[in-house]
Amino acid sequence: MDLARAQKLAVAGSAPAWPAAEAGRPVLLYVDRSESMRGFLDPDYPTRVDTDYRSVLDGFDARLHPSRVFGFGNGVREAGQGLGVLGSREFYADGNTQMEDVFALIRNDSALASTHVIVGDGRRGSPDAANGQYVAMRRLAEGWIASGGTLMVASSAAPFRPVKTDPSGCRDAAGEERQTCPLYAFAFVAPGDQGRVAAALGAVFQNLYAAPLPALPGGAVRFAAASRPGLSMEPAWVTSADSMPVARVRGTASTNEPLAASLVLRDTVSPLGRAALKALRGRRMIAAIAVRALSDDPRPQWRPSAVSGALMRPGRDAFSYEFLSRGAGTQRSLYRLQLHPAGEPSWLEAFDAESATDARRTYGLGRLFESFRATDPLAAPAAVRAYAVVN
């Protein structure tokens, strides 16, 4: 009887999920050709560093097959030899970084017929230019998302050698010859291409942010825990009609010593599975836990779970939880966990400069996420949903 009740009550969310099939839209790549980008072209040509700039370019070629490649700096112009010319230091000779010129081209794609990816260090020569650049990008992103597209931002601390002739470029305050500096990809993703683009970005960048964040489908996540004396977990006690696994936590006696559990993805091996995990970790997640009695009462009974006295409670982060028990023979409760994405990236603090004097981090980057931070996270659709029955 309890199995049937849990199957009926454990329903999937309504948020759009990662697309099962790819739209295969054309990809247009725009590369910053200002002189500061030369610092990412290590003359030693490292081949085993995934975030190395040449590895990024090769990863784009292999996974996204850009149909057209442009350079931007003093202006926007097409790279006649495509990706083949981007590994040459001579390509990066412009004295300015007018990224706004690219925004005009993306805005012209009003039908969202292509995916547009901008790659660069995100730096500008003055604080006003930097702020203006990211405010303009934010407005472009708002319109793109309103039309059904997705914004993705990927970031890495990529291998870098300071460019002495470029005073606005990234550099280490200690004057180290070898260091790492921020490298970004700003992707305006066409509808249906989220999975393919996320997989490509996630393979060559350390961090990934997506807005709106696609939801994981039913069965993509489950709880995992090691049993201990008197308290155990069955991660997939039953599966609902929506393919949602329901965990079962059983206690033989009342206990205040919790069972520690983690929320894990079942697929972290496929390119999309790895990218989905990186996209989840790339957002600050807000956990919302609701509870109801496991009964046949048809009336809605979900209510927010109180921290005090709850049999399921948050752990150290949004992916860790603790379970308790009141012992065998007591009322069984069904808990529903939903993770809602907050507006800003979880990695923003490490990349966003606090002042214009920061020689490494990127001034103005936080402006890009202001409108996303202004929204209530709990008003956004949940990206993850999971259930557990506890007595």
Protein backbone atom coordinates (compact mmCIF):
# COMPACT_ATOMS: atom_id res chain seq x y z
CA MET A 1 0.00 0.00 0.00
CA ASP A 2 2.79 2.45 0.89
CA LEU A 3 4.53 1.69 -2.39
CA ALA A 4 1.41 2.60 -4.38
CA ARG A 5 0.94 5.81 -2.40
CA ALA A 6 4.52 6.90 -2.99
CA GLN A 7 4.27 6.07 -6.71
CA LYS A 8 1.19 8.26 -7.01
CA LEU A 9 2.54 11.25 -5.06
CA ALA A 10 6.09 11.41 -6.44
CA VAL A 11 5.55 13.46 -9.58
CA ALA A 12 8.13 15.20 -11.73
CA GLY A 13 8.32 18.96 -12.02
CA SER A 14 7.11 20.98 -14.98
CA ALA A 15 10.33 22.88 -15.80
CA PRO A 16 11.78 22.35 -19.30
CA ALA A 17 14.45 19.65 -19.19
CA TRP A 18 17.68 19.20 -21.11
CA PRO A 19 16.66 18.41 -24.71
CA ALA A 20 16.71 14.72 -25.62
CA ALA A 21 17.50 15.53 -29.27
CA GLU A 22 19.68 18.33 -30.57
CA ALA A 23 18.43 21.04 -32.89
CA GLY A 24 21.79 21.15 -34.69
CA ARG A 25 21.69 24.90 -35.33
CA PRO A 26 24.69 26.58 -37.01
CA VAL A 27 27.31 27.87 -34.57
CA LEU A 28 28.98 31.25 -35.09
CA LEU A 29 32.18 31.85 -33.13
CA TYR A 30 33.49 35.33 -32.24
CA VAL A 31 37.04 35.55 -30.86
CA ASP A 32 38.66 38.51 -29.11
CA ARG A 33 41.64 39.44 -31.26
CA SER A 34 43.06 42.15 -28.98
CA GLU A 35 46.73 41.98 -28.07
CA SER A 36 46.06 40.85 -24.49
CA MET A 37 44.86 37.48 -25.83
CA ARG A 38 48.43 36.62 -26.88
CA GLY A 39 49.14 35.73 -23.28
CA PHE A 40 47.00 32.60 -23.61
CA LEU A 41 49.13 31.29 -26.49
CA ASP A 42 51.81 29.54 -24.46
CA PRO A 43 54.90 29.07 -26.67
CA ASP A 44 55.49 25.67 -25.04
CA TYR A 45 52.21 24.39 -26.54
CA PRO A 46 50.96 22.34 -23.55
CA THR A 47 48.79 19.45 -24.68
CA ARG A 48 47.53 18.01 -21.39
CA VAL A 49 45.84 21.09 -19.93
CA ASP A 50 42.14 21.02 -20.80
CA THR A 51 41.71 24.74 -20.13
CA ASP A 52 44.64 25.82 -22.31
CA TYR A 53 43.41 28.26 -24.96
CA ARG A 54 44.52 26.09 -27.86
CA SER A 55 42.71 23.13 -26.24
CA VAL A 56 39.59 25.27 -26.01
CA LEU A 57 39.78 26.13 -29.70
CA ASP A 58 40.36 22.51 -30.66
CA GLY A 59 37.47 21.40 -28.44
CA PHE A 60 35.17 23.87 -30.16
CA ASP A 61 36.26 22.62 -33.56
CA ALA A 62 35.67 18.97 -32.63
CA ARG A 63 32.35 19.40 -30.81
CA LEU A 64 30.58 22.41 -32.31
CA HIS A 65 32.03 22.67 -35.85
CA PRO A 66 31.54 26.46 -36.18
CA SER A 67 30.18 27.39 -39.58
CA ARG A 68 31.69 30.89 -39.43
CA VAL A 69 34.47 32.42 -37.33
CA PHE A 70 34.87 36.13 -36.63
CA GLY A 71 37.44 38.23 -34.81
CA PHE A 72 36.53 41.36 -32.87
CA GLY A 73 38.73 44.09 -31.47
CA ASN A 74 38.91 47.41 -33.29
CA GLY A 75 35.90 46.08 -35.23
CA VAL A 76 34.33 42.78 -36.31
CA ARG A 77 35.66 40.95 -39.34
CA GLU A 78 35.44 37.37 -40.51
CA ALA A 79 38.49 35.15 -40.11
CA GLY A 80 39.01 33.98 -43.66
CA GLN A 81 40.91 30.85 -42.64
CA GLY A 82 38.46 29.91 -39.90
CA LEU A 83 39.70 28.25 -36.73
CA GLY A 84 43.06 27.48 -38.30
CA VAL A 85 44.34 31.04 -37.85
CA LEU A 86 43.33 31.42 -34.18
CA GLY A 87 46.41 29.68 -32.79
CA SER A 88 48.73 32.28 -34.33
CA ARG A 89 49.97 35.18 -32.18
CA GLU A 90 49.84 37.48 -35.22
CA PHE A 91 46.04 37.20 -35.27
CA TYR A 92 45.84 39.05 -31.94
CA ALA A 93 47.06 42.53 -32.83
CA ASP A 94 44.12 44.90 -32.18
CA GLY A 95 44.46 47.62 -29.57
CA ASN A 96 40.80 47.63 -28.52
CA THR A 97 38.11 45.11 -27.55
CA GLN A 98 34.80 46.40 -28.87
CA MET A 99 32.67 43.41 -27.92
CA GLU A 100 29.52 45.52 -28.34
CA ASP A 101 30.01 45.27 -32.11
CA VAL A 102 29.33 41.54 -31.79
CA PHE A 103 26.12 42.18 -29.84
CA ALA A 104 24.66 43.98 -32.83
CA LEU A 105 25.21 40.92 -35.03
CA ILE A 106 23.61 38.60 -32.47
CA ARG A 107 20.65 40.93 -32.08
CA ASN A 108 20.09 40.74 -35.83
CA ASP A 109 19.40 37.01 -35.43
CA SER A 110 15.86 37.75 -34.26
CA ALA A 111 14.67 34.24 -35.19
CA LEU A 112 17.33 32.63 -32.95
CA ALA A 113 18.34 30.53 -35.94
CA SER A 114 21.98 30.13 -34.84
CA THR A 115 24.00 29.71 -31.68
CA HIS A 116 26.52 32.51 -31.07
CA VAL A 117 29.63 31.98 -28.90
CA ILE A 118 31.96 34.81 -27.85
CA VAL A 119 35.41 33.84 -26.54
CA GLY A 120 37.79 36.24 -24.83
CA ASP A 121 39.35 37.50 -21.61
CA GLY A 122 36.48 39.89 -20.93
CA ARG A 123 38.80 42.80 -20.10
CA ARG A 124 38.46 46.42 -21.22
CA GLY A 125 40.77 49.40 -21.04
CA SER A 126 38.68 51.44 -18.59
CA PRO A 127 36.14 50.75 -15.80
CA ASP A 128 33.38 52.59 -17.67
CA ALA A 129 33.95 50.55 -20.82
CA ALA A 130 33.94 47.32 -18.79
CA ASN A 131 30.69 48.17 -16.99
CA GLY A 132 29.06 49.29 -20.22
CA GLN A 133 30.10 46.09 -21.98
CA TYR A 134 28.47 43.81 -19.42
CA VAL A 135 25.34 45.92 -19.03
CA ALA A 136 24.88 45.76 -22.81
CA MET A 137 25.45 42.00 -22.73
CA ARG A 138 22.89 41.63 -19.95
CA ARG A 139 20.25 43.45 -21.99
CA LEU A 140 21.03 41.30 -25.00
CA ALA A 141 20.73 38.16 -22.84
CA GLU A 142 17.38 39.29 -21.42
CA GLY A 143 15.94 39.64 -24.92
CA TRP A 144 17.49 36.36 -26.09
CA ILE A 145 16.01 34.44 -23.15
CA ALA A 146 12.62 36.11 -23.55
CA SER A 147 12.56 34.78 -27.14
CA GLY A 148 13.22 31.21 -26.01
CA GLY A 149 17.02 31.06 -26.03
CA THR A 150 19.54 30.28 -23.30
CA LEU A 151 22.54 32.22 -22.00
CA MET A 152 25.58 30.15 -21.04
CA VAL A 153 28.73 31.56 -19.51
CA ALA A 154 31.82 29.38 -19.13
CA SER A 155 34.94 30.42 -17.25
CA SER A 156 38.40 29.06 -16.51
CA ALA A 157 41.64 30.09 -14.90
CA ALA A 158 43.61 29.37 -18.07
CA PRO A 159 47.40 29.17 -18.50
CA PHE A 160 48.73 32.66 -19.31
CA ARG A 161 51.91 34.67 -19.77
CA PRO A 162 51.60 38.43 -19.27
CA VAL A 163 51.82 40.58 -22.39
CA LYS A 164 54.26 43.37 -21.51
CA THR A 165 53.09 45.66 -24.31
CA ASP A 166 49.44 45.53 -23.18
CA PRO A 167 48.94 47.46 -19.91
CA SER A 168 45.24 46.54 -19.56
CA GLY A 169 45.82 42.81 -19.85
CA CYS A 170 45.79 40.31 -17.00
CA ARG A 171 48.94 40.05 -14.88
CA ASP A 172 50.08 38.69 -11.56
CA ALA A 173 50.87 41.29 -8.90
CA ALA A 174 53.94 39.22 -7.98
CA GLY A 175 55.24 39.50 -11.54
CA GLU A 176 55.30 35.78 -12.20
CA GLU A 177 56.09 34.83 -15.79
CA ARG A 178 53.72 31.86 -15.72
CA GLN A 179 50.29 32.19 -14.17
CA THR A 180 46.60 31.69 -14.88
CA CYS A 181 44.08 34.31 -15.96
CA PRO A 182 40.33 34.32 -16.60
CA LEU A 183 39.16 33.07 -19.98
CA TYR A 184 35.47 33.13 -20.89
CA ALA A 185 32.92 31.91 -23.38
CA PHE A 186 29.62 33.80 -23.54
CA ALA A 187 27.14 31.68 -25.50
CA PHE A 188 23.75 32.75 -26.79
CA VAL A 189 22.29 29.31 -27.40
CA ALA A 190 19.51 28.65 -29.89
CA PRO A 191 16.47 26.68 -28.63
CA GLY A 192 17.14 22.94 -28.60
CA ASP A 193 20.92 23.29 -28.64
CA GLN A 194 21.44 23.51 -24.86
CA GLY A 195 22.78 19.98 -24.43
CA ARG A 196 25.27 20.08 -27.30
CA VAL A 197 26.65 23.50 -26.38
CA ALA A 198 26.79 22.74 -22.65
CA ALA A 199 28.69 19.52 -23.35
CA ALA A 200 31.19 21.39 -25.53
CA LEU A 201 31.72 24.19 -23.02
CA GLY A 202 31.86 21.86 -20.05
CA ALA A 203 34.59 19.78 -21.70
CA VAL A 204 37.06 22.66 -22.01
CA PHE A 205 36.11 25.12 -19.25
CA GLN A 206 36.23 24.71 -15.48
CA ASN A 207 32.91 26.42 -14.72
CA LEU A 208 29.55 26.64 -16.44
CA TYR A 209 26.47 28.83 -15.89
CA ALA A 210 23.17 28.47 -17.74
CA ALA A 211 20.06 30.67 -17.63
CA PRO A 212 17.43 29.44 -17.66
CA LEU A 213 18.89 26.27 -16.15
CA PRO A 214 17.27 23.18 -17.71
CA ALA A 215 15.81 20.71 -15.21
CA LEU A 216 17.08 17.18 -14.76
CA PRO A 217 14.50 14.63 -15.89
CA GLY A 218 12.96 12.10 -13.52
CA GLY A 219 15.40 9.42 -12.49
CA ALA A 220 18.47 11.56 -13.18
CA VAL A 221 19.21 12.06 -9.47
CA ARG A 222 18.83 9.98 -6.36
CA PHE A 223 19.92 9.92 -2.75
CA ALA A 224 22.95 7.88 -1.74
CA ALA A 225 23.95 6.93 1.80
CA ALA A 226 25.86 4.25 3.68
CA SER A 227 23.63 2.52 6.22
CA ARG A 228 24.56 2.51 9.89
CA PRO A 229 23.22 0.45 12.82
CA GLY A 230 19.54 1.19 13.37
CA LEU A 231 19.09 3.45 10.34
CA SER A 232 19.23 2.51 6.66
CA MET A 233 18.33 3.87 3.22
CA GLU A 234 17.04 2.21 0.06
CA PRO A 235 17.88 4.80 -2.65
CA ALA A 236 15.31 3.43 -5.14
CA TRP A 237 12.65 1.87 -2.95
CA VAL A 238 10.04 2.54 -5.64
CA THR A 239 9.87 4.44 -8.94
CA SER A 240 6.86 6.59 -9.79
CA ALA A 241 5.05 6.77 -13.12
CA ASP A 242 7.13 9.90 -13.85
CA SER A 243 10.32 7.84 -13.41
CA MET A 244 11.05 9.54 -10.10
CA PRO A 245 12.92 7.27 -7.67
CA VAL A 246 11.68 7.43 -4.08
CA ALA A 247 14.18 6.65 -1.33
CA ARG A 248 13.09 4.80 1.81
CA VAL A 249 14.72 5.62 5.13
CA ARG A 250 13.94 3.16 7.94
CA GLY A 251 14.81 3.37 11.61
CA THR A 252 14.37 0.51 14.06
CA ALA A 253 14.23 2.94 16.99
CA SER A 254 13.95 6.66 17.56
CA THR A 255 17.30 8.36 17.02
CA ASN A 256 18.87 11.81 17.07
CA GLU A 257 22.04 10.62 15.34
CA PRO A 258 21.45 11.39 11.65
CA LEU A 259 22.14 9.32 8.58
CA ALA A 260 24.20 11.46 6.19
CA ALA A 261 23.12 11.27 2.55
CA SER A 262 24.14 12.93 -0.71
CA LEU A 263 22.15 13.85 -3.78
CA VAL A 264 23.97 12.35 -6.75
CA LEU A 265 23.53 12.27 -10.52
CA ARG A 266 23.23 8.82 -12.03
CA ASP A 267 25.05 9.89 -15.20
CA THR A 268 28.36 11.71 -14.81
CA VAL A 269 30.07 9.84 -17.64
CA SER A 270 28.36 10.96 -20.84
CA PRO A 271 29.22 14.42 -22.22
CA LEU A 272 25.75 15.73 -21.36
CA GLY A 273 25.83 14.12 -17.91
CA ARG A 274 29.13 15.81 -17.09
CA ALA A 275 27.88 19.13 -18.45
CA ALA A 276 24.60 18.92 -16.50
CA LEU A 277 26.55 18.33 -13.28
CA LYS A 278 28.85 21.26 -14.03
CA ALA A 279 25.85 23.48 -14.81
CA LEU A 280 24.21 22.51 -11.50
CA ARG A 281 27.40 23.19 -9.59
CA GLY A 282 27.75 26.46 -11.50
CA ARG A 283 24.63 27.94 -9.89
CA ARG A 284 24.06 28.71 -6.23
CA MET A 285 21.19 26.36 -5.42
CA ILE A 286 18.40 27.06 -2.93
CA ALA A 287 16.86 23.96 -1.31
CA ALA A 288 13.11 23.87 -0.61
CA ILE A 289 11.93 20.87 1.44
CA ALA A 290 8.24 20.03 1.74
CA VAL A 291 6.56 17.19 3.63
CA ARG A 292 3.20 15.43 3.81
CA ALA A 293 1.82 12.31 5.40
CA LEU A 294 2.05 9.19 3.24
CA SER A 295 -1.70 8.65 3.02
CA ASP A 296 -4.55 8.29 0.52
CA ASP A 297 -6.07 11.65 1.43
CA PRO A 298 -6.64 13.38 -1.96
CA ARG A 299 -6.46 16.89 -0.53
CA PRO A 300 -3.20 18.78 -1.10
CA GLN A 301 -1.17 18.38 2.06
CA TRP A 302 2.30 19.50 1.10
CA ARG A 303 3.67 22.01 3.59
CA PRO A 304 7.12 23.53 4.09
CA SER A 305 9.24 21.32 6.31
CA ALA A 306 10.30 22.94 9.56
CA VAL A 307 13.96 22.59 10.49
CA SER A 308 13.13 21.72 14.09
CA GLY A 309 11.73 18.23 14.48
CA ALA A 310 12.02 17.30 10.80
CA LEU A 311 13.13 13.83 9.79
CA MET A 312 14.94 15.25 6.76
CA ARG A 313 17.09 18.35 7.09
CA PRO A 314 19.74 20.19 5.05
CA GLY A 315 23.42 19.30 5.40
CA ARG A 316 26.50 21.34 4.59
CA ASP A 317 25.34 22.32 1.10
CA ALA A 318 22.45 21.89 -1.35
CA PHE A 319 23.63 18.40 -2.27
CA SER A 320 23.93 16.94 1.23
CA TYR A 321 21.16 16.00 3.71
CA GLU A 322 20.57 14.27 7.01
CA PHE A 323 17.79 11.81 7.88
CA LEU A 324 16.44 10.87 11.31
CA SER A 325 13.79 8.40 12.50
CA ARG A 326 11.15 8.15 15.19
CA GLY A 327 11.35 4.36 15.09
CA ALA A 328 9.46 1.45 13.59
CA GLY A 329 5.68 1.55 13.61
CA THR A 330 5.42 5.35 13.53
CA GLN A 331 3.73 7.50 10.90
CA ARG A 332 5.53 7.53 7.54
CA SER A 333 6.14 10.90 5.92
CA LEU A 334 6.93 11.71 2.31
CA TYR A 335 9.55 14.43 1.83
CA ARG A 336 9.97 16.35 -1.42
CA LEU A 337 13.22 18.16 -2.13
CA GLN A 338 13.43 20.83 -4.82
CA LEU A 339 16.57 22.72 -5.80
CA HIS A 340 15.97 26.17 -7.26
CA PRO A 341 18.81 28.04 -9.01
CA ALA A 342 19.76 31.45 -7.67
CA GLY A 343 20.59 34.15 -10.18
CA GLU A 344 24.35 34.40 -9.87
CA PRO A 345 27.06 31.84 -10.64
CA SER A 346 28.51 29.99 -7.68
CA TRP A 347 31.98 30.83 -9.05
CA LEU A 348 31.41 34.57 -9.58
CA GLU A 349 33.36 35.80 -6.55
CA ALA A 350 36.56 34.16 -7.79
CA PHE A 351 36.32 35.94 -11.17
CA ASP A 352 34.55 39.27 -10.53
CA ALA A 353 36.93 42.11 -9.58
CA GLU A 354 35.99 44.24 -6.59
CA SER A 355 37.84 47.26 -7.97
CA ALA A 356 39.26 48.51 -11.23
CA THR A 357 42.79 48.08 -9.82
CA ASP A 358 42.44 44.27 -9.78
CA ALA A 359 45.11 43.04 -12.20
CA ARG A 360 43.73 39.53 -12.56
CA ARG A 361 39.99 39.29 -11.97
CA THR A 362 37.49 40.79 -14.42
CA TYR A 363 36.06 44.20 -13.62
CA GLY A 364 32.37 44.65 -14.46
CA LEU A 365 31.55 40.94 -14.86
CA GLY A 366 28.98 40.97 -12.05
CA ARG A 367 26.89 43.51 -13.99
CA LEU A 368 25.97 40.73 -16.40
CA PHE A 369 24.03 38.85 -13.69
CA GLU A 370 22.26 41.75 -11.94
CA SER A 371 18.81 41.13 -13.42
CA PHE A 372 19.08 37.41 -12.66
CA ARG A 373 20.01 38.14 -9.04
CA ALA A 374 17.03 40.46 -8.71
CA THR A 375 14.53 37.60 -9.14
CA ASP A 376 13.25 35.38 -6.31
CA PRO A 377 15.00 31.99 -6.65
CA LEU A 378 12.01 30.11 -5.26
CA ALA A 379 9.81 31.64 -7.97
CA ALA A 380 11.94 29.95 -10.64
CA PRO A 381 11.17 26.35 -11.67
CA ALA A 382 13.13 23.73 -9.76
CA ALA A 383 16.08 22.23 -11.59
CA VAL A 384 16.14 19.12 -9.39
CA ARG A 385 13.39 17.18 -7.61
CA ALA A 386 13.81 14.17 -5.31
CA TYR A 387 11.63 12.23 -2.82
CA ALA A 388 12.15 10.17 0.31
CA VAL A 389 9.80 8.28 2.64
CA VAL A 390 10.86 8.41 6.30
CA ASN A 391 9.30 6.99 9.48
